[in-house]
Amino acid sequence: MPTAIDFTGIWEAAHKASVTTPEPEKAAYLLETIGPRIAAAALGMSDARPVKAWARGSDTGGPREAMVTKRLEVLYRITRAISDAYTPGVASRFLRSANPQLDDNAPLLALAEAKSDKDLREVLVATRALLEG
């Protein structure tokens, strides 16, 4: 009989990791897990070079803009939770797919266009809906 997945525990662990993991490690994890194109797009960037520089720690360790820093934290949290619950492939597909809770926008577009904490919360709510099924 398959083991039940503890989605609440996974979500809490991803949250803890998102606030305790240094930005260079977050960037490296995202590059490895979802790839540079998806990571950059979800952060609202047209180019992955800054994300790669953050991962190397060669660009003062992370983004300078407050909203990009928040997007990085949320993207890391989402990717970590979905990858731990399912697979990195599922995390990538979730980020790229139309989501009914986001008016059929892809979560990566919602993140890239996020201008406030409220916008970021909407993406987190959509992620929890996937996890809690």
C-alpha atoms as a PDB file:
ATOM      1  CA  MET A   1       0.000   0.000   0.000  1.00  0.00           C
ATOM      2  CA  PRO A   2       1.510   3.408  -0.963  1.00  0.00           C
ATOM      3  CA  THR A   3       2.621   5.736   1.786  1.00  0.00           C
ATOM      4  CA  ALA A   4       0.607   8.942   2.193  1.00  0.00           C
ATOM      5  CA  ILE A   5       2.515  12.107   1.482  1.00  0.00           C
ATOM      6  CA  ASP A   6       2.672  14.627   4.324  1.00  0.00           C
ATOM      7  CA  PHE A   7       1.913  17.748   2.286  1.00  0.00           C
ATOM      8  CA  THR A   8       1.629  19.938   5.377  1.00  0.00           C
ATOM      9  CA  GLY A   9       5.070  18.866   6.551  1.00  0.00           C
ATOM     10  CA  ILE A  10       6.521  19.409   3.082  1.00  0.00           C
ATOM     11  CA  TRP A  11       4.959  22.892   2.855  1.00  0.00           C
ATOM     12  CA  GLU A  12       6.275  23.849   6.299  1.00  0.00           C
ATOM     13  CA  ALA A  13       9.756  22.512   5.519  1.00  0.00           C
ATOM     14  CA  ALA A  14       9.819  24.438   2.227  1.00  0.00           C
ATOM     15  CA  HIS A  15       8.803  27.621   4.057  1.00  0.00           C
ATOM     16  CA  LYS A  16      11.526  27.157   6.657  1.00  0.00           C
ATOM     17  CA  ALA A  17      14.100  26.503   3.945  1.00  0.00           C
ATOM     18  CA  SER A  18      12.951  29.578   2.003  1.00  0.00           C
ATOM     19  CA  VAL A  19      13.728  31.870   4.937  1.00  0.00           C
ATOM     20  CA  THR A  20      16.916  30.165   6.158  1.00  0.00           C
ATOM     21  CA  THR A  21      18.701  29.274   2.922  1.00  0.00           C
ATOM     22  CA  PRO A  22      21.167  31.906   1.666  1.00  0.00           C
ATOM     23  CA  GLU A  23      20.278  33.494  -1.680  1.00  0.00           C
ATOM     24  CA  PRO A  24      23.224  31.970  -3.577  1.00  0.00           C
ATOM     25  CA  GLU A  25      22.061  28.491  -2.530  1.00  0.00           C
ATOM     26  CA  LYS A  26      18.471  29.297  -3.546  1.00  0.00           C
ATOM     27  CA  ALA A  27      19.636  30.443  -6.964  1.00  0.00           C
ATOM     28  CA  ALA A  28      21.809  27.341  -7.444  1.00  0.00           C
ATOM     29  CA  TYR A  29      18.930  25.058  -6.420  1.00  0.00           C
ATOM     30  CA  LEU A  30      16.547  26.736  -8.872  1.00  0.00           C
ATOM     31  CA  LEU A  31      19.054  26.562 -11.727  1.00  0.00           C
ATOM     32  CA  GLU A  32      19.589  22.868 -11.078  1.00  0.00           C
ATOM     33  CA  THR A  33      15.948  21.972 -10.405  1.00  0.00           C
ATOM     34  CA  ILE A  34      13.892  23.974 -12.920  1.00  0.00           C
ATOM     35  CA  GLY A  35      16.614  25.318 -15.193  1.00  0.00           C
ATOM     36  CA  PRO A  36      17.891  28.800 -15.989  1.00  0.00           C
ATOM     37  CA  ARG A  37      15.157  29.828 -18.452  1.00  0.00           C
ATOM     38  CA  ILE A  38      12.240  29.056 -16.150  1.00  0.00           C
ATOM     39  CA  ALA A  39      14.021  30.495 -13.110  1.00  0.00           C
ATOM     40  CA  ALA A  40      14.856  33.752 -14.878  1.00  0.00           C
ATOM     41  CA  ALA A  41      11.380  34.083 -16.405  1.00  0.00           C
ATOM     42  CA  ALA A  42       9.654  33.524 -13.044  1.00  0.00           C
ATOM     43  CA  LEU A  43      11.877  36.168 -11.456  1.00  0.00           C
ATOM     44  CA  GLY A  44      10.828  38.649 -14.130  1.00  0.00           C
ATOM     45  CA  MET A  45      14.176  38.630 -15.919  1.00  0.00           C
ATOM     46  CA  SER A  46      14.858  38.224 -19.610  1.00  0.00           C
ATOM     47  CA  ASP A  47      18.293  36.715 -19.003  1.00  0.00           C
ATOM     48  CA  ALA A  48      19.555  34.038 -16.599  1.00  0.00           C
ATOM     49  CA  ARG A  49      23.051  35.516 -16.253  1.00  0.00           C
ATOM     50  CA  PRO A  50      22.246  37.394 -13.023  1.00  0.00           C
ATOM     51  CA  VAL A  51      20.747  34.243 -11.485  1.00  0.00           C
ATOM     52  CA  LYS A  52      23.878  32.304 -12.422  1.00  0.00           C
ATOM     53  CA  ALA A  53      26.029  35.061 -10.878  1.00  0.00           C
ATOM     54  CA  TRP A  54      23.986  34.884  -7.653  1.00  0.00           C
ATOM     55  CA  ALA A  55      24.471  31.112  -7.576  1.00  0.00           C
ATOM     56  CA  ARG A  56      28.232  31.599  -7.853  1.00  0.00           C
ATOM     57  CA  GLY A  57      28.104  34.272  -5.154  1.00  0.00           C
ATOM     58  CA  SER A  58      29.843  36.659  -7.537  1.00  0.00           C
ATOM     59  CA  ASP A  59      27.104  39.299  -7.627  1.00  0.00           C
ATOM     60  CA  THR A  60      26.998  40.309  -3.945  1.00  0.00           C
ATOM     61  CA  GLY A  61      25.122  37.084  -3.267  1.00  0.00           C
ATOM     62  CA  GLY A  62      21.703  37.957  -4.660  1.00  0.00           C
ATOM     63  CA  PRO A  63      19.259  40.395  -6.184  1.00  0.00           C
ATOM     64  CA  ARG A  64      19.297  44.085  -5.297  1.00  0.00           C
ATOM     65  CA  GLU A  65      15.601  44.848  -5.901  1.00  0.00           C
ATOM     66  CA  ALA A  66      13.281  44.013  -2.992  1.00  0.00           C
ATOM     67  CA  MET A  67      10.558  42.484  -5.183  1.00  0.00           C
ATOM     68  CA  VAL A  68      13.060  40.279  -7.022  1.00  0.00           C
ATOM     69  CA  THR A  69      14.319  39.079  -3.641  1.00  0.00           C
ATOM     70  CA  LYS A  70      10.734  38.237  -2.626  1.00  0.00           C
ATOM     71  CA  ARG A  71      10.106  36.464  -5.936  1.00  0.00           C
ATOM     72  CA  LEU A  72      13.290  34.436  -5.414  1.00  0.00           C
ATOM     73  CA  GLU A  73      12.091  33.348  -1.965  1.00  0.00           C
ATOM     74  CA  VAL A  74       8.620  32.408  -3.216  1.00  0.00           C
ATOM     75  CA  LEU A  75       9.945  30.623  -6.312  1.00  0.00           C
ATOM     76  CA  TYR A  76      12.359  28.649  -4.157  1.00  0.00           C
ATOM     77  CA  ARG A  77       9.574  27.738  -1.707  1.00  0.00           C
ATOM     78  CA  ILE A  78       7.219  26.611  -4.474  1.00  0.00           C
ATOM     79  CA  THR A  79       9.876  24.644  -6.340  1.00  0.00           C
ATOM     80  CA  ARG A  80      11.163  22.999  -3.191  1.00  0.00           C
ATOM     81  CA  ALA A  81       7.695  21.961  -1.986  1.00  0.00           C
ATOM     82  CA  ILE A  82       6.518  20.547  -5.308  1.00  0.00           C
ATOM     83  CA  SER A  83       9.841  18.829  -6.020  1.00  0.00           C
ATOM     84  CA  ASP A  84       9.823  17.222  -2.564  1.00  0.00           C
ATOM     85  CA  ALA A  85       6.186  16.133  -2.877  1.00  0.00           C
ATOM     86  CA  TYR A  86       6.418  14.964  -6.492  1.00  0.00           C
ATOM     87  CA  THR A  87       9.427  15.575  -8.759  1.00  0.00           C
ATOM     88  CA  PRO A  88      11.350  18.529 -10.211  1.00  0.00           C
ATOM     89  CA  GLY A  89       9.560  17.809 -13.505  1.00  0.00           C
ATOM     90  CA  VAL A  90       6.196  18.366 -11.850  1.00  0.00           C
ATOM     91  CA  ALA A  91       7.474  21.632 -10.360  1.00  0.00           C
ATOM     92  CA  SER A  92       8.578  22.797 -13.801  1.00  0.00           C
ATOM     93  CA  ARG A  93       5.255  21.842 -15.402  1.00  0.00           C
ATOM     94  CA  PHE A  94       3.291  23.520 -12.606  1.00  0.00           C
ATOM     95  CA  LEU A  95       5.205  26.770 -13.122  1.00  0.00           C
ATOM     96  CA  ARG A  96       4.617  26.739 -16.902  1.00  0.00           C
ATOM     97  CA  SER A  97       0.998  25.551 -16.987  1.00  0.00           C
ATOM     98  CA  ALA A  98      -2.197  27.598 -17.040  1.00  0.00           C
ATOM     99  CA  ASN A  99      -3.647  27.628 -13.531  1.00  0.00           C
ATOM    100  CA  PRO A 100      -7.376  28.179 -12.910  1.00  0.00           C
ATOM    101  CA  GLN A 101      -6.659  29.806  -9.546  1.00  0.00           C
ATOM    102  CA  LEU A 102      -4.566  32.432 -11.309  1.00  0.00           C
ATOM    103  CA  ASP A 103      -7.152  33.257 -14.000  1.00  0.00           C
ATOM    104  CA  ASP A 104      -5.496  30.660 -16.229  1.00  0.00           C
ATOM    105  CA  ASN A 105      -2.123  32.415 -16.073  1.00  0.00           C
ATOM    106  CA  ALA A 106       0.960  30.293 -15.541  1.00  0.00           C
ATOM    107  CA  PRO A 107       2.442  30.656 -12.039  1.00  0.00           C
ATOM    108  CA  LEU A 108       5.761  31.747 -13.531  1.00  0.00           C
ATOM    109  CA  LEU A 109       4.011  34.656 -15.279  1.00  0.00           C
ATOM    110  CA  ALA A 110       2.123  35.549 -12.105  1.00  0.00           C
ATOM    111  CA  LEU A 111       5.424  35.609 -10.217  1.00  0.00           C
ATOM    112  CA  ALA A 112       7.214  37.599 -12.900  1.00  0.00           C
ATOM    113  CA  GLU A 113       4.440  40.207 -12.900  1.00  0.00           C
ATOM    114  CA  ALA A 114       4.019  40.307  -9.101  1.00  0.00           C
ATOM    115  CA  LYS A 115       4.144  43.866  -7.806  1.00  0.00           C
ATOM    116  CA  SER A 116       3.007  43.242  -4.214  1.00  0.00           C
ATOM    117  CA  ASP A 117       2.942  40.696  -1.420  1.00  0.00           C
ATOM    118  CA  LYS A 118      -0.726  40.082  -2.296  1.00  0.00           C
ATOM    119  CA  ASP A 119       0.289  39.011  -5.805  1.00  0.00           C
ATOM    120  CA  LEU A 120       2.862  36.619  -4.344  1.00  0.00           C
ATOM    121  CA  ARG A 121       0.306  35.175  -1.906  1.00  0.00           C
ATOM    122  CA  GLU A 122      -1.974  34.292  -4.819  1.00  0.00           C
ATOM    123  CA  VAL A 123       0.763  32.114  -6.290  1.00  0.00           C
ATOM    124  CA  LEU A 124       1.390  30.502  -2.907  1.00  0.00           C
ATOM    125  CA  VAL A 125      -2.346  29.745  -2.553  1.00  0.00           C
ATOM    126  CA  ALA A 126      -2.362  28.119  -5.998  1.00  0.00           C
ATOM    127  CA  THR A 127       0.634  26.019  -5.001  1.00  0.00           C
ATOM    128  CA  ARG A 128      -1.044  24.857  -1.786  1.00  0.00           C
ATOM    129  CA  ALA A 129      -4.109  23.891  -3.804  1.00  0.00           C
ATOM    130  CA  LEU A 130      -1.915  21.607  -5.925  1.00  0.00           C
ATOM    131  CA  LEU A 131      -0.269  20.077  -2.883  1.00  0.00           C
ATOM    132  CA  GLU A 132      -3.458  19.591  -0.909  1.00  0.00           C
ATOM    133  CA  GLY A 133      -5.263  18.369  -4.002  1.00  0.00           C
END
